[in-house]
Protein backbone atom coordinates (compact mmCIF):
# COMPACT_ATOMS: atom_id res chain seq x y z
CA MET A 1 -21.96 -9.66 -28.47
CA SER A 2 -20.11 -12.54 -26.83
CA THR A 3 -19.84 -15.76 -28.87
CA THR A 4 -20.52 -17.78 -25.69
CA ALA A 5 -23.87 -16.11 -24.97
CA THR A 6 -25.96 -19.14 -26.00
CA LEU A 7 -23.69 -21.71 -24.39
CA ARG A 8 -23.29 -20.49 -20.82
CA SER A 9 -25.25 -18.54 -18.25
CA LEU A 10 -22.45 -15.97 -17.82
CA ASN A 11 -20.79 -14.02 -20.61
CA ILE A 12 -18.96 -10.71 -20.84
CA ASP A 13 -22.19 -8.93 -21.77
CA ASN A 14 -24.26 -9.91 -18.72
CA ILE A 15 -21.83 -9.75 -15.79
CA ASN A 16 -21.74 -6.77 -13.42
CA PRO A 17 -20.77 -3.79 -15.63
CA HIS A 18 -19.13 -2.03 -12.68
CA VAL A 19 -16.61 -4.86 -12.32
CA LYS A 20 -15.72 -4.47 -15.99
CA GLU A 21 -15.30 -0.73 -15.50
CA ALA A 22 -12.83 -1.09 -12.62
CA LYS A 23 -9.14 -0.71 -13.47
CA TYR A 24 -6.12 -1.81 -11.44
CA ALA A 25 -2.94 -0.92 -13.30
CA VAL A 26 -0.53 -2.29 -10.68
CA ARG A 27 -1.45 -5.83 -11.75
CA GLY A 28 -2.50 -5.02 -15.31
CA GLU A 29 -1.17 -5.92 -18.76
CA LEU A 30 2.42 -4.95 -17.95
CA ALA A 31 2.47 -7.23 -14.93
CA VAL A 32 0.96 -10.08 -16.96
CA ARG A 33 3.64 -9.74 -19.63
CA SER A 34 6.39 -9.62 -17.01
CA GLU A 35 5.14 -12.93 -15.59
CA GLU A 36 5.15 -14.43 -19.08
CA TYR A 37 8.79 -13.39 -19.38
CA ARG A 38 9.54 -14.87 -15.96
CA ALA A 39 7.98 -18.17 -17.01
CA LYS A 40 10.09 -18.21 -20.19
CA LEU A 41 13.27 -17.67 -18.23
CA LYS A 42 12.31 -20.35 -15.74
CA LYS A 43 11.49 -22.81 -18.50
CA GLY A 44 14.90 -22.20 -20.03
CA HIS A 45 16.60 -23.06 -16.72
CA PRO A 46 19.28 -20.33 -16.99
CA PRO A 47 22.04 -20.08 -17.90
CA THR A 48 20.46 -21.95 -20.83
CA PRO A 49 18.57 -19.17 -22.68
CA PRO A 50 14.84 -19.50 -23.40
CA GLU A 51 13.74 -20.58 -26.86
CA ASP A 52 12.82 -17.12 -28.12
CA GLY A 53 15.82 -15.44 -26.56
CA LEU A 54 15.28 -12.45 -24.25
CA PRO A 55 17.71 -9.54 -23.86
CA PHE A 56 17.79 -10.05 -20.08
CA ASP A 57 18.20 -12.95 -17.67
CA GLN A 58 16.03 -11.68 -14.82
CA VAL A 59 12.65 -10.02 -14.39
CA ILE A 60 12.56 -7.22 -11.81
CA SER A 61 9.01 -6.70 -10.50
CA ALA A 62 9.31 -3.02 -9.58
CA ASN A 63 5.59 -2.59 -10.22
CA ILE A 64 4.30 -3.65 -6.83
CA GLY A 65 5.26 -3.23 -3.18
CA ASN A 66 5.83 -6.93 -2.56
CA PRO A 67 9.10 -6.98 -0.58
CA GLN A 68 9.63 -10.69 -0.04
CA GLN A 69 9.08 -11.48 -3.72
CA LEU A 70 12.15 -9.31 -4.26
CA ASP A 71 14.28 -11.22 -1.75
CA GLN A 72 13.64 -9.13 1.36
CA LYS A 73 14.15 -11.66 4.15
CA PRO A 74 11.46 -12.16 6.80
CA ILE A 75 12.30 -11.05 10.31
CA SER A 76 13.38 -14.06 12.36
CA PHE A 77 11.38 -13.32 15.52
CA PHE A 78 8.11 -13.14 13.59
CA ARG A 79 8.67 -16.35 11.63
CA GLN A 80 9.96 -18.29 14.65
CA VAL A 81 6.82 -17.45 16.61
CA LEU A 82 4.65 -18.29 13.61
CA SER A 83 6.31 -21.69 13.22
CA ILE A 84 5.21 -22.61 16.75
CA LEU A 85 1.71 -21.22 16.21
CA GLU A 86 1.34 -23.38 13.09
CA TYR A 87 2.72 -26.50 14.85
CA PRO A 88 2.30 -26.18 18.63
CA LYS A 89 3.86 -29.61 19.27
CA LEU A 90 7.21 -27.88 18.79
CA LEU A 91 6.72 -26.67 22.35
CA ASP A 92 7.08 -30.24 23.57
CA ASN A 93 10.84 -29.89 23.14
CA GLU A 94 11.90 -26.38 24.05
CA ASP A 95 15.53 -27.42 24.38
CA ALA A 96 15.63 -28.50 20.74
CA LEU A 97 14.14 -25.17 19.68
CA LYS A 98 16.75 -23.27 21.67
CA LYS A 99 19.85 -25.38 21.07
CA GLY A 100 19.11 -26.74 17.63
CA PHE A 101 17.37 -23.78 15.99
CA GLY A 102 18.43 -20.76 18.01
CA TYR A 103 15.00 -19.80 19.32
CA GLU A 104 15.22 -17.41 22.26
CA GLN A 105 13.02 -17.70 25.33
CA ASP A 106 10.92 -14.65 24.38
CA VAL A 107 9.99 -16.38 21.10
CA ILE A 108 8.65 -19.35 23.03
CA ASP A 109 6.90 -17.12 25.60
CA ARG A 110 5.19 -15.06 22.90
CA ALA A 111 4.02 -18.17 21.06
CA ARG A 112 2.59 -19.65 24.27
CA TRP A 113 0.76 -16.41 25.04
CA LEU A 114 -0.69 -16.11 21.54
CA LEU A 115 -1.80 -19.75 21.57
CA LYS A 116 -3.54 -19.13 24.87
CA GLU A 117 -5.40 -16.18 23.33
CA VAL A 118 -6.30 -17.69 19.93
CA ASN A 119 -6.45 -21.39 20.92
CA SER A 120 -5.54 -22.41 17.36
CA VAL A 121 -4.62 -20.41 14.27
CA GLY A 122 -6.84 -22.84 12.36
CA ALA A 123 -9.95 -21.68 14.20
CA TYR A 124 -12.16 -18.68 13.51
CA SER A 125 -11.71 -15.71 15.82
CA GLN A 126 -14.18 -13.01 16.73
CA SER A 127 -15.18 -11.14 13.57
CA GLN A 128 -13.53 -7.95 14.82
CA GLY A 129 -10.38 -9.84 15.71
CA VAL A 130 -8.88 -11.51 18.78
CA PRO A 131 -9.55 -9.21 21.79
CA ALA A 132 -6.04 -9.53 23.27
CA ILE A 133 -4.47 -8.67 19.90
CA ARG A 134 -6.70 -5.60 19.59
CA GLU A 135 -5.48 -4.57 23.03
CA SER A 136 -1.87 -4.85 21.83
CA VAL A 137 -2.70 -2.68 18.82
CA ALA A 138 -4.34 -0.08 21.08
CA LYS A 139 -1.23 0.06 23.29
CA PHE A 140 0.95 0.53 20.18
CA ILE A 141 -1.20 3.46 19.03
CA GLU A 142 -1.03 5.00 22.51
CA ARG A 143 2.77 4.76 22.55
CA ARG A 144 3.02 6.23 19.05
CA ASP A 145 0.62 9.16 19.53
CA GLY A 146 0.60 9.90 23.26
CA HIS A 147 -3.21 9.65 23.31
CA PRO A 148 -5.52 6.84 24.49
CA SER A 149 -6.83 4.19 22.10
CA ASP A 150 -9.92 2.04 22.68
CA PRO A 151 -9.55 -1.64 21.65
CA SER A 152 -13.31 -1.81 21.02
CA LYS A 153 -12.84 0.68 18.16
CA ILE A 154 -10.12 -1.39 16.48
CA PHE A 155 -10.96 -3.88 13.73
CA LEU A 156 -8.35 -6.38 12.60
CA SER A 157 -8.47 -6.99 8.87
CA ALA A 158 -6.98 -9.01 6.00
CA GLY A 159 -4.53 -6.24 5.14
CA ALA A 160 -5.46 -2.58 4.83
CA SER A 161 -7.16 -3.23 1.47
CA SER A 162 -9.87 -5.25 3.20
CA GLY A 163 -10.48 -2.33 5.56
CA VAL A 164 -10.75 0.11 2.67
CA ASN A 165 -13.28 -2.17 0.98
CA THR A 166 -15.32 -2.44 4.18
CA LEU A 167 -15.46 1.28 4.79
CA LEU A 168 -16.24 2.28 1.21
CA ASN A 169 -19.05 -0.28 1.12
CA VAL A 170 -20.56 1.29 4.24
CA ILE A 171 -20.04 4.93 3.18
CA CYS A 172 -21.18 4.68 -0.46
CA SER A 173 -24.95 4.58 -0.11
CA LYS A 174 -25.97 5.71 -3.60
CA PRO A 175 -24.53 6.43 -7.07
CA GLU A 176 -24.20 10.13 -6.20
CA THR A 177 -21.89 9.40 -3.24
CA GLY A 178 -18.48 10.96 -3.81
CA ILE A 179 -15.11 10.34 -2.16
CA LEU A 180 -12.26 12.83 -2.44
CA VAL A 181 -9.22 10.86 -3.63
CA PRO A 182 -5.67 12.22 -4.11
CA ILE A 183 -4.26 12.18 -7.62
CA PRO A 184 -1.96 10.40 -8.18
CA GLN A 185 -3.43 7.67 -5.99
CA TYR A 186 -3.23 3.97 -5.28
CA PRO A 187 -5.82 2.51 -7.70
CA LEU A 188 -7.48 0.44 -4.98
CA TYR A 189 -9.66 3.48 -4.28
CA THR A 190 -10.84 4.25 -7.81
CA ALA A 191 -11.32 0.55 -8.58
CA THR A 192 -13.43 -0.03 -5.46
CA LEU A 193 -15.51 3.08 -6.14
CA ALA A 194 -16.09 1.87 -9.70
CA VAL A 195 -17.34 -1.51 -8.44
CA LEU A 196 -19.63 0.28 -5.95
CA ASN A 197 -20.94 2.60 -8.70
CA ALA A 198 -19.91 5.61 -6.63
CA ARG A 199 -17.99 8.71 -7.68
CA CYS A 200 -14.30 9.46 -7.37
CA VAL A 201 -13.74 13.16 -6.68
CA PRO A 202 -10.08 13.70 -7.65
CA TYR A 203 -7.91 16.34 -6.01
CA TYR A 204 -4.38 16.91 -7.33
CA LEU A 205 -1.32 16.75 -5.12
CA ASP A 206 1.31 19.46 -5.59
CA GLU A 207 4.37 17.97 -7.30
CA GLY A 208 6.23 21.26 -6.91
CA LYS A 209 5.91 20.93 -3.12
CA GLN A 210 7.16 17.37 -2.75
CA TRP A 211 3.71 16.00 -3.64
CA GLY A 212 2.13 17.65 -0.61
CA THR A 213 -1.59 18.26 -0.16
CA ASP A 214 -2.88 21.52 -1.64
CA LEU A 215 -5.84 22.71 0.43
CA GLU A 216 -7.05 25.01 -2.32
CA ALA A 217 -7.03 22.11 -4.78
CA ILE A 218 -9.07 20.08 -2.30
CA ARG A 219 -11.57 22.93 -1.84
CA ASP A 220 -11.91 23.44 -5.58
CA ALA A 221 -12.48 19.74 -6.21
CA TYR A 222 -15.06 19.62 -3.41
CA LYS A 223 -16.98 22.66 -4.67
CA LYS A 224 -16.97 21.41 -8.26
CA ALA A 225 -18.29 18.01 -7.22
CA LYS A 226 -21.02 19.55 -5.06
CA SER A 227 -22.09 21.81 -7.93
CA GLU A 228 -22.47 18.70 -10.12
CA GLY A 229 -24.79 17.01 -7.64
CA THR A 230 -22.23 14.78 -5.92
CA ASP A 231 -22.80 14.01 -2.24
CA VAL A 232 -19.19 14.17 -1.04
CA ARG A 233 -18.92 12.06 2.10
CA ALA A 234 -15.23 11.41 2.76
CA ILE A 235 -11.65 12.35 1.92
CA VAL A 236 -8.84 9.84 1.42
CA VAL A 237 -5.29 10.76 2.42
CA ILE A 238 -2.35 8.39 1.80
CA ASN A 239 0.54 9.22 4.13
CA PRO A 240 3.31 8.49 3.34
CA GLY A 241 2.17 8.65 -0.25
CA ASN A 242 1.62 5.90 -2.78
CA PRO A 243 2.72 6.28 -5.56
CA THR A 244 4.53 9.52 -4.74
CA GLY A 245 6.52 8.60 -1.63
CA ALA A 246 5.61 11.95 -0.03
CA SER A 247 5.57 12.35 3.73
CA LEU A 248 3.04 14.91 4.97
CA SER A 249 3.98 17.50 7.55
CA SER A 250 1.97 17.99 10.74
CA GLU A 251 0.68 21.24 9.17
CA ASP A 252 -0.67 19.32 6.16
CA VAL A 253 -2.37 16.83 8.49
CA ARG A 254 -3.94 19.65 10.48
CA ALA A 255 -5.18 21.43 7.32
CA VAL A 256 -6.98 18.31 6.08
CA LEU A 257 -8.60 17.75 9.48
CA GLU A 258 -9.77 21.37 9.64
CA PHE A 259 -11.32 21.04 6.17
CA ALA A 260 -13.02 17.77 7.16
CA ALA A 261 -14.47 19.41 10.27
CA GLU A 262 -15.83 22.32 8.21
CA GLU A 263 -17.49 20.12 5.60
CA LYS A 264 -18.43 17.15 7.82
CA LEU A 265 -16.32 14.65 5.90
CA VAL A 266 -15.04 11.28 7.06
CA VAL A 267 -11.23 11.19 6.91
CA MET A 268 -9.78 7.92 5.61
CA ALA A 269 -6.10 7.94 6.58
CA ASP A 270 -4.17 5.25 4.73
CA GLU A 271 -1.01 5.03 6.85
CA VAL A 272 0.44 1.67 5.82
CA TYR A 273 3.88 3.19 5.08
CA GLN A 274 4.21 4.96 8.43
CA THR A 275 7.57 3.35 9.27
CA ASN A 276 8.93 3.93 5.74
CA ILE A 277 10.12 7.47 6.48
CA PHE A 278 13.45 8.86 5.24
CA VAL A 279 12.80 12.59 5.74
CA GLY A 280 11.13 14.17 8.77
CA LYS A 281 8.86 12.39 11.20
CA PHE A 282 5.58 10.56 10.70
CA THR A 283 2.53 12.33 12.14
CA SER A 284 -0.58 10.18 12.32
CA PHE A 285 -3.98 11.66 11.66
CA LYS A 286 -5.12 10.24 14.99
CA LYS A 287 -2.48 12.29 16.80
CA GLY A 288 -3.31 15.34 14.69
CA LEU A 289 -6.99 15.04 15.55
CA ARG A 290 -6.46 14.49 19.28
CA ASP A 291 -4.06 17.44 19.43
CA LEU A 292 -6.63 19.66 17.71
CA GLN A 293 -9.41 18.47 20.01
CA LYS A 294 -7.26 19.37 23.00
CA ALA A 295 -6.25 22.76 21.58
CA VAL A 296 -9.69 23.77 20.29
CA PRO A 297 -12.43 22.18 22.43
CA GLU A 298 -15.70 21.18 20.71
CA LYS A 299 -14.82 22.24 17.13
CA PHE A 300 -13.30 18.86 16.21
CA ASP A 301 -15.30 16.60 18.54
CA MET A 302 -17.52 15.23 15.76
CA VAL A 303 -14.80 14.56 13.18
CA GLU A 304 -14.95 10.96 11.96
CA LEU A 305 -11.55 9.43 11.29
CA VAL A 306 -10.60 5.93 10.22
CA SER A 307 -6.89 5.08 10.35
CA LEU A 308 -5.56 2.06 8.43
CA ASN A 309 -2.34 0.11 8.86
CA SER A 310 -0.88 -3.15 7.54
CA ILE A 311 1.85 -5.75 8.05
CA SER A 312 2.55 -5.74 4.29
CA LYS A 313 4.79 -2.69 4.24
CA GLY A 314 7.38 -1.11 6.50
CA MET A 315 10.37 -3.34 7.23
CA VAL A 316 8.03 -6.28 7.76
CA GLY A 317 6.78 -6.96 4.23
CA GLU A 318 4.54 -9.88 5.19
CA CYS A 319 2.12 -9.24 2.30
CA GLY A 320 1.09 -12.85 1.86
CA HIS A 321 -0.04 -13.28 5.45
CA ARG A 322 -2.77 -10.66 4.98
CA GLY A 323 -2.85 -8.78 8.25
CA GLY A 324 -3.82 -5.24 9.14
CA TYR A 325 -6.19 -3.14 11.19
CA PHE A 326 -8.29 -0.02 11.13
CA GLU A 327 -9.28 2.20 14.05
CA LEU A 328 -12.52 4.18 14.20
CA THR A 329 -12.45 7.58 15.90
CA GLY A 330 -15.58 9.70 16.37
CA PHE A 331 -17.98 7.30 14.65
CA ASP A 332 -21.62 6.98 15.69
CA ASN A 333 -22.14 3.74 17.62
CA GLU A 334 -24.93 2.60 15.31
CA VAL A 335 -22.67 3.10 12.27
CA ALA A 336 -19.88 1.16 14.02
CA ALA A 337 -22.37 -1.66 14.61
CA GLN A 338 -23.11 -1.81 10.88
CA ILE A 339 -19.37 -1.92 10.14
CA TYR A 340 -19.13 -4.84 12.55
CA LYS A 341 -22.01 -6.58 10.76
CA PHE A 342 -20.30 -6.08 7.42
CA VAL A 343 -17.01 -7.64 8.55
CA SER A 344 -18.97 -10.47 10.21
CA ILE A 345 -20.27 -11.54 6.80
CA MET A 346 -16.66 -12.54 5.95
CA LEU A 347 -16.39 -14.31 9.34
CA CYS A 348 -12.92 -13.09 10.42
CA PRO A 349 -9.53 -12.03 9.07
CA PRO A 350 -6.81 -14.73 8.87
CA VAL A 351 -5.81 -15.57 12.43
CA ILE A 352 -2.15 -16.10 11.53
CA GLY A 353 -2.20 -12.57 10.07
CA GLN A 354 -3.75 -11.27 13.28
CA CYS A 355 -0.91 -12.81 15.27
CA LEU A 356 1.61 -11.07 13.00
CA VAL A 357 -0.19 -7.77 13.59
CA GLU A 358 0.32 -8.31 17.32
CA MET A 359 4.04 -8.94 16.89
CA VAL A 360 4.53 -5.97 14.54
CA CYS A 361 2.80 -3.70 17.05
CA ASN A 362 4.68 -5.26 19.96
CA PRO A 363 8.12 -6.35 18.70
CA PRO A 364 11.11 -7.32 20.87
CA GLN A 365 12.35 -4.42 22.98
CA GLU A 366 15.83 -3.55 24.17
CA GLY A 367 16.79 -6.03 26.87
CA ASP A 368 14.74 -8.88 25.37
CA PRO A 369 16.77 -11.91 24.22
CA SER A 370 15.60 -11.57 20.59
CA TYR A 371 16.18 -7.83 20.39
CA PRO A 372 19.78 -7.79 19.07
CA LEU A 373 18.91 -9.94 16.03
CA TYR A 374 15.58 -8.17 15.50
CA SER A 375 17.26 -4.75 15.58
CA LYS A 376 20.00 -5.88 13.19
CA GLU A 377 17.50 -7.30 10.68
CA TYR A 378 15.05 -4.39 10.93
CA ASN A 379 17.66 -1.66 10.54
CA GLY A 380 19.45 -3.59 7.81
CA ILE A 381 16.26 -3.65 5.75
CA LYS A 382 15.60 0.03 6.42
CA ASP A 383 19.12 1.10 5.48
CA GLY A 384 19.02 -1.03 2.34
CA LEU A 385 15.77 0.56 1.19
CA HIS A 386 17.18 4.04 1.71
CA THR A 387 20.39 3.17 -0.17
CA ARG A 388 18.44 1.86 -3.16
CA ALA A 389 16.06 4.83 -3.10
CA LEU A 390 19.00 7.22 -3.30
CA ALA A 391 20.64 5.17 -6.09
CA LEU A 392 17.46 5.37 -8.17
CA PHE A 393 17.03 9.06 -7.40
CA ASP A 394 20.61 9.82 -8.45
CA ALA A 395 20.10 7.87 -11.68
CA PHE A 396 16.91 9.75 -12.49
CA LYS A 397 18.67 13.09 -11.96
CA LYS A 398 21.14 12.17 -14.71
CA MET A 399 18.52 11.00 -17.22
CA GLU A 400 17.45 13.34 -20.02
CA GLY A 401 13.95 14.71 -19.58
CA VAL A 402 13.42 13.10 -16.18
CA GLU A 403 12.63 14.95 -12.94
CA CYS A 404 12.07 13.36 -9.56
CA GLN A 405 11.29 14.61 -6.06
CA ASP A 406 13.66 13.67 -3.24
CA PRO A 407 12.89 10.27 -1.67
CA GLN A 408 10.90 10.95 1.49
CA GLY A 409 9.15 7.71 2.35
CA SER A 410 7.10 4.65 1.39
CA MET A 411 8.64 2.23 -1.16
CA TYR A 412 8.35 4.22 -4.37
CA LEU A 413 9.63 6.98 -6.60
CA PHE A 414 7.31 8.67 -9.11
CA PRO A 415 9.47 10.54 -11.62
CA THR A 416 8.15 12.85 -14.33
CA ILE A 417 9.28 11.86 -17.82
CA THR A 418 9.32 14.00 -20.94
CA ILE A 419 9.55 11.90 -24.09
CA PRO A 420 9.94 12.94 -27.73
CA GLU A 421 6.94 13.67 -29.92
CA LYS A 422 7.88 10.80 -32.23
CA ALA A 423 7.52 8.42 -29.30
CA CYS A 424 4.11 9.91 -28.48
CA GLN A 425 3.03 9.37 -32.09
CA GLN A 426 4.24 5.77 -32.01
CA ALA A 427 2.34 5.21 -28.78
CA LYS A 428 -0.83 6.55 -30.39
CA ALA A 429 -0.32 4.26 -33.39
CA GLU A 430 -0.16 1.30 -30.97
CA GLY A 431 -3.25 2.45 -29.06
CA ARG A 432 -1.35 3.25 -25.88
CA GLN A 433 -0.77 6.24 -23.66
CA PRO A 434 2.78 7.64 -24.04
CA ASP A 435 3.85 6.66 -20.51
CA GLU A 436 2.38 3.19 -20.98
CA PHE A 437 4.29 2.83 -24.27
CA TYR A 438 7.52 3.85 -22.48
CA CYS A 439 6.94 1.29 -19.72
CA PHE A 440 6.31 -1.52 -22.19
CA ARG A 441 9.48 -0.70 -24.07
CA LEU A 442 11.39 -0.66 -20.76
CA LEU A 443 10.03 -4.08 -19.82
CA ASP A 444 10.74 -5.60 -23.23
CA ALA A 445 14.31 -4.31 -23.24
CA THR A 446 15.36 -4.81 -19.62
CA GLY A 447 12.91 -7.11 -17.83
CA ILE A 448 12.11 -4.29 -15.38
CA CYS A 449 8.37 -3.89 -14.77
CA VAL A 450 7.17 -0.47 -13.59
CA VAL A 451 3.70 1.13 -13.70
CA PRO A 452 2.78 4.08 -15.93
CA GLY A 453 1.58 7.22 -14.20
CA SER A 454 -1.71 7.01 -16.09
CA GLY A 455 -2.55 4.01 -13.89
CA PHE A 456 -2.54 6.26 -10.82
CA GLY A 457 -3.87 9.46 -12.36
CA GLN A 458 -1.78 12.51 -13.21
CA ARG A 459 -2.27 16.09 -14.27
CA PRO A 460 -3.19 16.41 -17.96
CA GLY A 461 -0.11 16.98 -20.08
CA THR A 462 2.27 15.24 -17.66
CA LEU A 463 3.79 11.76 -17.81
CA HIS A 464 5.19 9.65 -14.98
CA PHE A 465 5.94 6.11 -13.93
CA ARG A 466 6.09 4.49 -10.52
CA THR A 467 8.92 2.21 -9.50
CA THR A 468 9.63 0.48 -6.23
CA PHE A 469 13.16 0.37 -4.84
CA LEU A 470 12.72 -3.05 -3.26
CA ALA A 471 14.81 -5.17 -5.63
CA PRO A 472 18.17 -6.13 -4.08
CA GLY A 473 21.35 -4.43 -5.21
CA THR A 474 21.62 -1.45 -7.54
CA GLU A 475 22.84 -3.11 -10.76
CA TRP A 476 19.34 -3.06 -12.23
CA VAL A 477 19.25 0.75 -11.88
CA GLY A 478 21.90 0.92 -14.59
CA ARG A 479 19.61 -1.03 -16.90
CA ILE A 480 17.05 1.78 -16.67
CA THR A 481 19.53 4.54 -17.48
CA GLU A 482 20.96 2.58 -20.42
CA PHE A 483 17.48 1.88 -21.80
CA HIS A 484 16.40 5.49 -21.40
CA LYS A 485 19.33 6.82 -23.38
CA LYS A 486 18.65 4.40 -26.24
CA PHE A 487 14.93 5.20 -26.15
CA MET A 488 15.53 8.94 -26.35
CA ASP A 489 18.03 8.51 -29.19
CA GLU A 490 15.66 6.26 -31.14
CA PHE A 491 12.76 8.72 -30.99
CA ARG A 492 14.68 11.98 -30.91
CA ASP A 493 12.93 14.68 -32.96
């Protein structure tokens, strides 16, 4: 019983129990401790060491895909346009923008066009988003997939997470509602389902096949849930994968769509890492569905698909501006109207984020004045990510008891770790899972914050952790290998 029960209206015993049940490991206890360490280092004003003395001089937040926190630079074209949108009086002196600050004419033209469409970034927009920006998104989807896109079916959102929340709120109509979720998964899904008092129906990805989808595992999970009285309504697919980094083949995409058509399931395609591809080519679920509808008339006409994207990932990394969109395909018009009503309750997504969505979907093209710099910055970020991914992968290959799939996409690696029994016993004594214990020891020794696999879900008997490869340079990779060797020696059986 809370000691504050008689003093305040709210206490830990009478708030929504589903909020208490929700777990979000990406920003959990490890992240909190890492920020405490960061504050200590800042207080000490390095190179003066903090009072308590830490064995590192920098905290590396490899726990979250937050590129610009880790010194990824914003793309100039986007920020130049945004500066004008935030302060339109800059347009009163175009010569100063061009000669003094290096703004190209297409920056100024884009800002003028966006201001004409939004009027002011400080004003509310339509709840579904600015119509002209939704048209730009639709054209981007058409170019990407080779199939038409209807702007009226596109909803701009405050990042993809807002879209996920909207859709799960609409789909989950009762406690028995179940959603098929890949394991390992991004904990947004399980946390939201917990808050909604709905059921997560886990299906395991196949680590032995580069973390690909296993249709038999999906079928088994579906049948088991149905036999237990769960009303399975949708399947979530994260492509490229988070936390696994897997990039699904067109055959995997087709298999999921065929299963959804058979069982009348909504497909939620989380595609926020679609430009973070190192191996193969990204195939959207929208393209997969339209191709199937063309190849097999009628069978797939009633499949309901929602595709989500964001400005937070890719080479853009504008997480703090909170922009994204989702596109509805095959939804009943009355259901779409209820989705519109739901988003209307929150008025509208941030208008500055909507403008960034427009620019990300319609960036400078070859021949435009800003294209050379845009191309240099974009490809520089992409090449840097790949270089760091390979450096981490090579390090993991050399570490005792560590296995890792080849880097394919997204911003993460999700290695398997095998740790000594003595370490497992020590973890139990401290009330922690073994992978969580390992991650805390890593943070305390090196300042590198990663997330234990248990925060994403993993097959029983296996241990993992997720790390981003966003931090600049590769020096910090050596810190992990050095720590791991000492850890294994300390707890060796």
